[in-house]
Structure formats: structure tokens, C-alpha cells
Amino acid sequence: MALFKSKEERKQVKEERQQQWFDNFINNTNLQALKEEDKEYAFKVNENLEQLQRFTTRASEGEVAQLEMMSTLIDQNWLIIKLLSEINQKLDK
């Protein structure tokens, strides 16, 4: 048993972890019905938002409250995106 993983093994583990995060995001936001390219775009947007929210450790109470409100609006936007996708699919039928 090797103590260190090969470059290919590390790459595979990273890809599996990324796919797991992607699947969790899609399931948690209930965006399964989106087209694959829209899912990927939504995931990238979410990653950028999460990076911005990491700065809360240095934020004041007011800034943290604003970030929490922004997070709520983001969740609301995911719901709107899901519903618009469903409407679009029904109109395509």
C-alpha cells in the first residue's frame, strides 16, 4: 500500500469530490430539471458566492446580517430559476 497517491489518483479524487459537491448542490437547490449546461453555470455562480461568504469571519455584526439576507435572496433566486425552468419545459410541450 503506497503512502502517497499518484498524480492520477489525486486527480481522480479531486474530480470525484467536485462531482459530489455538484450533485449535492443540485439536489439541495432542487435544480435537477435544468439543462446540464444550466446546472453547471448555476454551480459556478454558487461557488463564486460561497467564496465571497467566506469573509464573514472578519465582518461586523451588520455585515454578517447583510450576508445572511443575501444568502436568503440567493436561495430564493434558485427557487425562481427552478420554477422558470419548469414553466419553460411545459411551454415547450
N, C-alpha and C. Protein backbone atom coordinates (compact mmCIF):
# COMPACT_ATOMS: atom_id res chain seq x y z
N MET A 1 0.84 -1.18 0.00
CA MET A 1 0.00 0.00 0.00
C MET A 1 0.89 1.25 0.00
N ALA A 2 0.68 2.10 -0.96
CA ALA A 2 1.51 3.29 -1.10
C ALA A 2 1.13 4.34 -0.07
N LEU A 3 2.14 5.00 0.43
CA LEU A 3 1.91 6.06 1.40
C LEU A 3 1.37 7.32 0.73
N PHE A 4 1.87 7.58 -0.47
CA PHE A 4 1.44 8.76 -1.22
C PHE A 4 0.67 8.34 -2.46
N LYS A 5 -0.30 9.12 -2.83
CA LYS A 5 -1.09 8.81 -4.01
C LYS A 5 -0.40 9.37 -5.25
N SER A 6 -0.60 8.69 -6.35
CA SER A 6 -0.03 9.16 -7.61
C SER A 6 -0.80 10.39 -8.08
N LYS A 7 -0.25 11.08 -9.05
CA LYS A 7 -0.87 12.28 -9.59
C LYS A 7 -2.25 11.94 -10.16
N GLU A 8 -2.36 10.81 -10.83
CA GLU A 8 -3.64 10.39 -11.41
C GLU A 8 -4.67 10.10 -10.34
N GLU A 9 -4.23 9.46 -9.25
CA GLU A 9 -5.15 9.15 -8.15
C GLU A 9 -5.64 10.43 -7.48
N ARG A 10 -4.74 11.38 -7.26
CA ARG A 10 -5.14 12.66 -6.66
C ARG A 10 -6.12 13.39 -7.57
N LYS A 11 -5.86 13.34 -8.88
CA LYS A 11 -6.75 14.00 -9.83
C LYS A 11 -8.13 13.34 -9.79
N GLN A 12 -8.16 12.02 -9.73
CA GLN A 12 -9.44 11.29 -9.68
C GLN A 12 -10.20 11.63 -8.41
N VAL A 13 -9.52 11.68 -7.28
CA VAL A 13 -10.16 12.01 -6.01
C VAL A 13 -10.72 13.43 -6.07
N LYS A 14 -9.96 14.35 -6.64
CA LYS A 14 -10.43 15.73 -6.76
C LYS A 14 -11.67 15.81 -7.65
N GLU A 15 -11.67 15.08 -8.76
CA GLU A 15 -12.83 15.07 -9.66
C GLU A 15 -14.05 14.46 -8.99
N GLU A 16 -13.84 13.37 -8.24
CA GLU A 16 -14.95 12.74 -7.52
C GLU A 16 -15.52 13.68 -6.46
N ARG A 17 -14.65 14.38 -5.75
CA ARG A 17 -15.09 15.33 -4.73
C ARG A 17 -15.88 16.47 -5.38
N GLN A 18 -15.37 16.98 -6.51
CA GLN A 18 -16.06 18.06 -7.23
C GLN A 18 -17.44 17.59 -7.71
N GLN A 19 -17.51 16.37 -8.22
CA GLN A 19 -18.79 15.83 -8.69
C GLN A 19 -19.76 15.66 -7.53
N GLN A 20 -19.26 15.25 -6.37
CA GLN A 20 -20.11 15.11 -5.18
C GLN A 20 -20.66 16.46 -4.75
N TRP A 21 -19.80 17.50 -4.74
CA TRP A 21 -20.26 18.85 -4.40
C TRP A 21 -21.32 19.32 -5.38
N PHE A 22 -21.08 19.04 -6.67
CA PHE A 22 -22.02 19.43 -7.71
C PHE A 22 -23.37 18.74 -7.49
N ASP A 23 -23.34 17.43 -7.27
CA ASP A 23 -24.57 16.67 -7.05
C ASP A 23 -25.32 17.17 -5.81
N ASN A 24 -24.58 17.43 -4.74
CA ASN A 24 -25.21 17.94 -3.52
C ASN A 24 -25.86 19.30 -3.76
N PHE A 25 -25.16 20.17 -4.49
CA PHE A 25 -25.72 21.49 -4.79
C PHE A 25 -27.01 21.36 -5.59
N ILE A 26 -27.00 20.56 -6.63
CA ILE A 26 -28.17 20.38 -7.49
C ILE A 26 -29.34 19.82 -6.68
N ASN A 27 -29.06 18.84 -5.84
CA ASN A 27 -30.12 18.25 -5.02
C ASN A 27 -30.63 19.21 -3.95
N ASN A 28 -29.73 19.93 -3.30
CA ASN A 28 -30.13 20.86 -2.24
C ASN A 28 -30.93 22.04 -2.77
N THR A 29 -30.63 22.46 -3.98
CA THR A 29 -31.36 23.59 -4.57
C THR A 29 -32.52 23.14 -5.44
N ASN A 30 -32.69 21.82 -5.56
CA ASN A 30 -33.80 21.24 -6.32
C ASN A 30 -33.80 21.69 -7.78
N LEU A 31 -32.60 21.67 -8.39
CA LEU A 31 -32.44 22.11 -9.78
C LEU A 31 -32.22 20.94 -10.74
N GLN A 32 -32.70 19.77 -10.40
CA GLN A 32 -32.48 18.59 -11.23
C GLN A 32 -33.05 18.74 -12.64
N ALA A 33 -34.10 19.52 -12.80
CA ALA A 33 -34.79 19.63 -14.09
C ALA A 33 -34.08 20.56 -15.07
N LEU A 34 -33.07 21.30 -14.60
CA LEU A 34 -32.37 22.21 -15.50
C LEU A 34 -31.56 21.44 -16.55
N LYS A 35 -31.30 22.10 -17.67
CA LYS A 35 -30.40 21.53 -18.67
C LYS A 35 -29.02 21.43 -18.04
N GLU A 36 -28.23 20.49 -18.55
CA GLU A 36 -26.91 20.23 -17.96
C GLU A 36 -26.03 21.49 -17.97
N GLU A 37 -26.03 22.24 -19.06
CA GLU A 37 -25.19 23.44 -19.11
C GLU A 37 -25.68 24.50 -18.12
N ASP A 38 -26.99 24.55 -17.89
CA ASP A 38 -27.52 25.49 -16.90
C ASP A 38 -27.15 25.07 -15.48
N LYS A 39 -27.14 23.76 -15.24
CA LYS A 39 -26.72 23.25 -13.93
C LYS A 39 -25.27 23.65 -13.65
N GLU A 40 -24.42 23.47 -14.65
CA GLU A 40 -23.00 23.79 -14.48
C GLU A 40 -22.81 25.29 -14.23
N TYR A 41 -23.56 26.11 -14.96
CA TYR A 41 -23.46 27.55 -14.77
C TYR A 41 -23.94 27.95 -13.37
N ALA A 42 -25.05 27.38 -12.95
CA ALA A 42 -25.57 27.66 -11.61
C ALA A 42 -24.56 27.26 -10.54
N PHE A 43 -23.90 26.13 -10.74
CA PHE A 43 -22.91 25.66 -9.79
C PHE A 43 -21.73 26.63 -9.71
N LYS A 44 -21.29 27.14 -10.86
CA LYS A 44 -20.19 28.10 -10.87
C LYS A 44 -20.58 29.39 -10.17
N VAL A 45 -21.79 29.84 -10.39
CA VAL A 45 -22.28 31.04 -9.70
C VAL A 45 -22.27 30.79 -8.20
N ASN A 46 -22.75 29.63 -7.79
CA ASN A 46 -22.80 29.30 -6.37
C ASN A 46 -21.40 29.23 -5.77
N GLU A 47 -20.45 28.68 -6.50
CA GLU A 47 -19.07 28.63 -6.00
C GLU A 47 -18.53 30.03 -5.75
N ASN A 48 -18.79 30.95 -6.68
CA ASN A 48 -18.33 32.32 -6.51
C ASN A 48 -18.98 32.97 -5.29
N LEU A 49 -20.26 32.73 -5.09
CA LEU A 49 -20.96 33.29 -3.94
C LEU A 49 -20.42 32.73 -2.63
N GLU A 50 -20.11 31.45 -2.63
CA GLU A 50 -19.56 30.84 -1.41
C GLU A 50 -18.19 31.42 -1.08
N GLN A 51 -17.40 31.70 -2.11
CA GLN A 51 -16.10 32.32 -1.87
C GLN A 51 -16.26 33.69 -1.23
N LEU A 52 -17.25 34.44 -1.68
CA LEU A 52 -17.49 35.76 -1.09
C LEU A 52 -17.95 35.65 0.36
N GLN A 53 -18.72 34.63 0.68
CA GLN A 53 -19.25 34.48 2.03
C GLN A 53 -18.20 34.00 3.02
N ARG A 54 -17.07 33.56 2.55
CA ARG A 54 -16.01 33.08 3.46
C ARG A 54 -15.39 34.21 4.27
N PHE A 55 -15.63 35.43 3.86
CA PHE A 55 -15.03 36.58 4.55
C PHE A 55 -15.83 37.01 5.78
N THR A 56 -16.84 36.25 6.16
CA THR A 56 -17.69 36.63 7.30
C THR A 56 -16.92 36.61 8.61
N THR A 57 -15.82 35.92 8.68
CA THR A 57 -15.06 35.87 9.93
C THR A 57 -14.48 37.23 10.29
N ARG A 58 -14.29 38.08 9.30
CA ARG A 58 -13.73 39.41 9.56
C ARG A 58 -14.81 40.49 9.50
N ALA A 59 -16.04 40.11 9.43
CA ALA A 59 -17.12 41.07 9.23
C ALA A 59 -17.72 41.51 10.56
N SER A 60 -18.31 42.69 10.53
CA SER A 60 -19.02 43.18 11.72
C SER A 60 -20.38 42.49 11.78
N GLU A 61 -21.11 42.70 12.87
CA GLU A 61 -22.43 42.09 13.02
C GLU A 61 -23.37 42.53 11.90
N GLY A 62 -23.32 43.81 11.56
CA GLY A 62 -24.17 44.32 10.48
C GLY A 62 -23.84 43.69 9.14
N GLU A 63 -22.56 43.51 8.88
CA GLU A 63 -22.15 42.89 7.62
C GLU A 63 -22.56 41.42 7.57
N VAL A 64 -22.46 40.75 8.69
CA VAL A 64 -22.89 39.34 8.75
C VAL A 64 -24.39 39.26 8.49
N ALA A 65 -25.15 40.19 9.08
CA ALA A 65 -26.61 40.20 8.86
C ALA A 65 -26.92 40.44 7.39
N GLN A 66 -26.18 41.33 6.75
CA GLN A 66 -26.39 41.58 5.33
C GLN A 66 -26.06 40.34 4.50
N LEU A 67 -25.00 39.64 4.86
CA LEU A 67 -24.63 38.42 4.14
C LEU A 67 -25.69 37.34 4.32
N GLU A 68 -26.28 37.26 5.51
CA GLU A 68 -27.34 36.29 5.75
C GLU A 68 -28.58 36.61 4.93
N MET A 69 -28.90 37.91 4.83
CA MET A 69 -30.03 38.31 3.99
C MET A 69 -29.74 38.01 2.52
N MET A 70 -28.50 38.27 2.11
CA MET A 70 -28.12 37.98 0.73
C MET A 70 -28.22 36.47 0.46
N SER A 71 -27.84 35.67 1.43
CA SER A 71 -27.93 34.22 1.28
C SER A 71 -29.38 33.78 1.10
N THR A 72 -30.28 34.42 1.86
CA THR A 72 -31.71 34.12 1.72
C THR A 72 -32.20 34.48 0.32
N LEU A 73 -31.78 35.63 -0.17
CA LEU A 73 -32.16 36.05 -1.53
C LEU A 73 -31.60 35.11 -2.58
N ILE A 74 -30.40 34.62 -2.35
CA ILE A 74 -29.80 33.67 -3.28
C ILE A 74 -30.62 32.39 -3.33
N ASP A 75 -31.02 31.89 -2.17
CA ASP A 75 -31.86 30.68 -2.13
C ASP A 75 -33.18 30.93 -2.85
N GLN A 76 -33.74 32.11 -2.65
CA GLN A 76 -34.98 32.46 -3.33
C GLN A 76 -34.76 32.49 -4.85
N ASN A 77 -33.63 32.99 -5.27
CA ASN A 77 -33.33 33.02 -6.71
C ASN A 77 -33.21 31.62 -7.29
N TRP A 78 -32.62 30.68 -6.55
CA TRP A 78 -32.54 29.30 -7.05
C TRP A 78 -33.94 28.73 -7.24
N LEU A 79 -34.84 29.05 -6.32
CA LEU A 79 -36.22 28.58 -6.44
C LEU A 79 -36.87 29.19 -7.69
N ILE A 80 -36.67 30.48 -7.91
CA ILE A 80 -37.23 31.13 -9.09
C ILE A 80 -36.67 30.51 -10.37
N ILE A 81 -35.38 30.23 -10.39
CA ILE A 81 -34.76 29.60 -11.56
C ILE A 81 -35.40 28.24 -11.82
N LYS A 82 -35.60 27.46 -10.75
CA LYS A 82 -36.21 26.14 -10.90
C LYS A 82 -37.61 26.26 -11.48
N LEU A 83 -38.39 27.18 -10.93
CA LEU A 83 -39.78 27.34 -11.39
C LEU A 83 -39.84 27.85 -12.83
N LEU A 84 -38.96 28.76 -13.19
CA LEU A 84 -38.92 29.24 -14.57
C LEU A 84 -38.53 28.12 -15.54
N SER A 85 -37.63 27.26 -15.10
CA SER A 85 -37.26 26.12 -15.93
C SER A 85 -38.44 25.19 -16.14
N GLU A 86 -39.19 24.94 -15.07
CA GLU A 86 -40.38 24.08 -15.19
C GLU A 86 -41.41 24.71 -16.13
N ILE A 87 -41.62 26.00 -16.01
CA ILE A 87 -42.57 26.69 -16.91
C ILE A 87 -42.09 26.57 -18.36
N ASN A 88 -40.81 26.78 -18.57
CA ASN A 88 -40.25 26.69 -19.91
C ASN A 88 -40.44 25.29 -20.50
N GLN A 89 -40.22 24.27 -19.69
CA GLN A 89 -40.40 22.90 -20.17
C GLN A 89 -41.86 22.62 -20.51
N LYS A 90 -42.77 23.15 -19.73
CA LYS A 90 -44.20 22.94 -20.01
C LYS A 90 -44.61 23.68 -21.28
N LEU A 91 -44.05 24.84 -21.52
CA LEU A 91 -44.36 25.60 -22.73
C LEU A 91 -43.79 24.93 -23.98
N ASP A 92 -42.68 24.20 -23.81
CA ASP A 92 -42.06 23.50 -24.94
C ASP A 92 -42.87 22.29 -25.38
N LYS A 93 -43.73 21.78 -24.51
CA LYS A 93 -44.53 20.57 -24.83
C LYS A 93 -45.63 20.86 -25.78
